[in-house]
C-alpha atoms as a PDB file:
ATOM      1  CA  MET A   1     -60.773  26.159-110.367  1.00  0.00           C
ATOM      2  CA  ILE A   2     -61.583  23.727-107.556  1.00  0.00           C
ATOM      3  CA  ASN A   3     -65.301  23.932-108.321  1.00  0.00           C
ATOM      4  CA  THR A   4     -64.571  23.088-111.954  1.00  0.00           C
ATOM      5  CA  VAL A   5     -62.589  20.019-110.915  1.00  0.00           C
ATOM      6  CA  ILE A   6     -65.363  18.854-108.591  1.00  0.00           C
ATOM      7  CA  ILE A   7     -67.995  19.350-111.281  1.00  0.00           C
ATOM      8  CA  PHE A   8     -65.812  17.473-113.790  1.00  0.00           C
ATOM      9  CA  LEU A   9     -65.360  14.549-111.375  1.00  0.00           C
ATOM     10  CA  ILE A  10     -69.091  14.364-110.680  1.00  0.00           C
ATOM     11  CA  ILE A  11     -69.914  14.465-114.401  1.00  0.00           C
ATOM     12  CA  ALA A  12     -67.311  11.769-115.096  1.00  0.00           C
ATOM     13  CA  MET A  13     -68.779   9.527-112.380  1.00  0.00           C
ATOM     14  CA  VAL A  14     -72.313  10.025-113.718  1.00  0.00           C
ATOM     15  CA  LEU A  15     -71.194   9.224-117.277  1.00  0.00           C
ATOM     16  CA  SER A  16     -69.372   6.143-116.023  1.00  0.00           C
ATOM     17  CA  VAL A  17     -72.458   4.875-114.193  1.00  0.00           C
ATOM     18  CA  ILE A  18     -74.642   5.582-117.258  1.00  0.00           C
ATOM     19  CA  GLN A  19     -72.296   3.587-119.492  1.00  0.00           C
ATOM     20  CA  ARG A  20     -72.212   0.731-116.988  1.00  0.00           C
ATOM     21  CA  VAL A  21     -76.035   0.734-116.850  1.00  0.00           C
ATOM     22  CA  ARG A  22     -76.152   0.490-120.656  1.00  0.00           C
ATOM     23  CA  ASP A  23     -73.714  -2.409-120.567  1.00  0.00           C
ATOM     24  CA  LYS A  24     -75.769  -4.186-117.903  1.00  0.00           C
ATOM     25  CA  LYS A  25     -79.014  -3.711-119.846  1.00  0.00           C
ATOM     26  CA  ARG A  26     -77.373  -5.040-122.999  1.00  0.00           C
ATOM     27  CA  ALA A  27     -75.994  -8.074-121.153  1.00  0.00           C
ATOM     28  CA  GLU A  28     -79.327  -8.612-119.374  1.00  0.00           C
ATOM     29  CA  LYS A  29     -81.047  -9.435-122.668  1.00  0.00           C
ATOM     30  CA  HIS A  30     -78.918 -12.566-122.999  1.00  0.00           C
ATOM     31  CA  GLU A  31     -79.401 -13.929-119.468  1.00  0.00           C
ATOM     32  CA  LEU A  32     -82.092 -15.993-117.801  1.00  0.00           C
ATOM     33  CA  PRO A  33     -84.248 -14.119-115.260  1.00  0.00           C
ATOM     34  CA  GLU A  34     -83.349 -14.462-111.593  1.00  0.00           C
ATOM     35  CA  HIS A  35     -85.595 -14.721-108.561  1.00  0.00           C
ATOM     36  CA  ALA A  36     -84.541 -11.378-107.134  1.00  0.00           C
ATOM     37  CA  LYS A  37     -83.942  -8.723-109.741  1.00  0.00           C
ATOM     38  CA  LYS A  38     -81.296  -6.111-109.101  1.00  0.00           C
ATOM     39  CA  SER A  39     -81.527  -2.726-110.736  1.00  0.00           C
ATOM     40  CA  PRO A  40     -78.979  -1.870-113.422  1.00  0.00           C
ATOM     41  CA  VAL A  41     -77.907   1.194-111.419  1.00  0.00           C
ATOM     42  CA  SER A  42     -77.171  -0.828-108.275  1.00  0.00           C
ATOM     43  CA  GLU A  43     -75.222  -3.377-110.295  1.00  0.00           C
ATOM     44  CA  ALA A  44     -73.287  -0.621-112.073  1.00  0.00           C
ATOM     45  CA  LEU A  45     -72.355   1.039-108.766  1.00  0.00           C
ATOM     46  CA  GLN A  46     -71.377  -2.318-107.293  1.00  0.00           C
ATOM     47  CA  GLU A  47     -69.186  -3.021-110.321  1.00  0.00           C
ATOM     48  CA  LEU A  48     -67.626   0.458-110.117  1.00  0.00           C
ATOM     49  CA  ILE A  49     -66.645  -0.038-106.473  1.00  0.00           C
ATOM     50  CA  ALA A  50     -65.438  -3.610-107.092  1.00  0.00           C
ATOM     51  CA  THR A  51     -63.279  -2.476-110.000  1.00  0.00           C
ATOM     52  CA  ALA A  52     -61.840   0.391-107.964  1.00  0.00           C
ATOM     53  CA  GLY A  53     -61.095  -2.036-105.121  1.00  0.00           C
ATOM     54  CA  GLY A  54     -59.266  -4.432-107.412  1.00  0.00           C
ATOM     55  CA  ILE A  55     -57.221  -1.630-108.923  1.00  0.00           C
ATOM     56  CA  TYR A  56     -56.460  -0.310-105.423  1.00  0.00           C
ATOM     57  CA  LEU A  57     -55.144  -3.680-104.246  1.00  0.00           C
ATOM     58  CA  SER A  58     -52.997  -4.004-107.369  1.00  0.00           C
ATOM     59  CA  LEU A  59     -51.548  -0.527-106.866  1.00  0.00           C
ATOM     60  CA  VAL A  60     -50.823  -1.221-103.186  1.00  0.00           C
ATOM     61  CA  LEU A  61     -48.959  -4.412-104.109  1.00  0.00           C
ATOM     62  CA  LEU A  62     -47.040  -2.614-106.864  1.00  0.00           C
ATOM     63  CA  ILE A  63     -46.073   0.308-104.599  1.00  0.00           C
ATOM     64  CA  SER A  64     -44.954  -2.002-101.797  1.00  0.00           C
ATOM     65  CA  PHE A  65     -43.046  -4.291-104.197  1.00  0.00           C
ATOM     66  CA  LEU A  66     -41.209  -1.363-105.777  1.00  0.00           C
ATOM     67  CA  GLN A  67     -40.773   0.265-102.338  1.00  0.00           C
ATOM     68  CA  ILE A  68     -42.019   3.623-103.572  1.00  0.00           C
ATOM     69  CA  ASP A  69     -42.718   6.297-100.973  1.00  0.00           C
ATOM     70  CA  LEU A  70     -46.037   8.027-101.488  1.00  0.00           C
ATOM     71  CA  ALA A  71     -47.752  10.741 -99.531  1.00  0.00           C
ATOM     72  CA  GLU A  72     -49.964   9.342 -96.798  1.00  0.00           C
ATOM     73  CA  GLU A  73     -52.842  11.633 -97.704  1.00  0.00           C
ATOM     74  CA  TRP A  74     -53.823  14.131-100.340  1.00  0.00           C
ATOM     75  CA  PHE A  75     -55.919  17.036 -99.160  1.00  0.00           C
ATOM     76  CA  PHE A  76     -58.611  18.220-101.527  1.00  0.00           C
ATOM     77  CA  LEU A  77     -61.028  20.855-100.209  1.00  0.00           C
ATOM     78  CA  ASP A  78     -59.850  20.128 -96.651  1.00  0.00           C
ATOM     79  CA  VAL A  79     -60.688  16.448 -97.072  1.00  0.00           C
ATOM     80  CA  GLY A  80     -57.868  13.958 -96.653  1.00  0.00           C
ATOM     81  CA  MET A  81     -57.834  11.011 -99.019  1.00  0.00           C
ATOM     82  CA  ASP A  82     -55.578   8.117 -99.857  1.00  0.00           C
ATOM     83  CA  PRO A  83     -53.834   8.877-103.172  1.00  0.00           C
ATOM     84  CA  LEU A  84     -54.033   5.251-104.321  1.00  0.00           C
ATOM     85  CA  ALA A  85     -57.754   5.097-103.578  1.00  0.00           C
ATOM     86  CA  PHE A  86     -58.309   8.298-105.553  1.00  0.00           C
ATOM     87  CA  ILE A  87     -56.269   7.026-108.519  1.00  0.00           C
ATOM     88  CA  SER A  88     -58.137   3.699-108.404  1.00  0.00           C
ATOM     89  CA  LEU A  89     -61.508   5.426-108.444  1.00  0.00           C
ATOM     90  CA  VAL A  90     -60.509   7.663-111.352  1.00  0.00           C
ATOM     91  CA  ILE A  91     -59.262   4.684-113.382  1.00  0.00           C
ATOM     92  CA  SER A  92     -62.433   2.695-112.703  1.00  0.00           C
ATOM     93  CA  VAL A  93     -64.595   5.704-113.654  1.00  0.00           C
ATOM     94  CA  ILE A  94     -62.930   6.174-117.045  1.00  0.00           C
ATOM     95  CA  GLN A  95     -62.612   2.450-117.859  1.00  0.00           C
ATOM     96  CA  PRO A  96     -66.094   2.020-119.437  1.00  0.00           C
ATOM     97  CA  MET A  97     -65.518   5.090-121.579  1.00  0.00           C
ATOM     98  CA  PHE A  98     -62.322   3.585-122.991  1.00  0.00           C
ATOM     99  CA  THR A  99     -64.118   0.264-123.509  1.00  0.00           C
ATOM    100  CA  ARG A 100     -66.872   2.044-125.430  1.00  0.00           C
ATOM    101  CA  LEU A 101     -64.302   3.935-127.502  1.00  0.00           C
ATOM    102  CA  PHE A 102     -62.548   0.643-128.295  1.00  0.00           C
ATOM    103  CA  HIS A 103     -65.807  -0.971-129.456  1.00  0.00           C
ATOM    104  CA  VAL A 104     -66.710   2.060-131.579  1.00  0.00           C
ATOM    105  CA  THR A 105     -63.312   2.110-133.274  1.00  0.00           C
ATOM    106  CA  LYS A 106     -63.535  -1.641-133.939  1.00  0.00           C
ATOM    107  CA  GLY A 107     -66.840  -1.123-135.777  1.00  0.00           C
ATOM    108  CA  GLY A 108     -69.212  -2.429-133.116  1.00  0.00           C
ATOM    109  CA  ALA A 109     -71.991  -0.443-131.493  1.00  0.00           C
END
């Protein structure tokens, strides 16, 4: 069961990065070239982490404003992690998939 969850999370992260790379390549066609060229993968990973960080800060502010008590750590495979950081990462991983689904349902490619 745990192995299945880990495999699912890894696959979801890979799919998220692939979708972000596609978005970057599509946007790159409409921009002027720069002096130093970043790879689409590095930009996609940077965007993934930046999005997760923004979501994390928003969740921290929301939790502190509402004065909700949360567990300090979640343990997954003997690894302690911050629950808000985990939730933020999951949301940022699935975000491009929902964006793609939205564009497909609106008739765009």
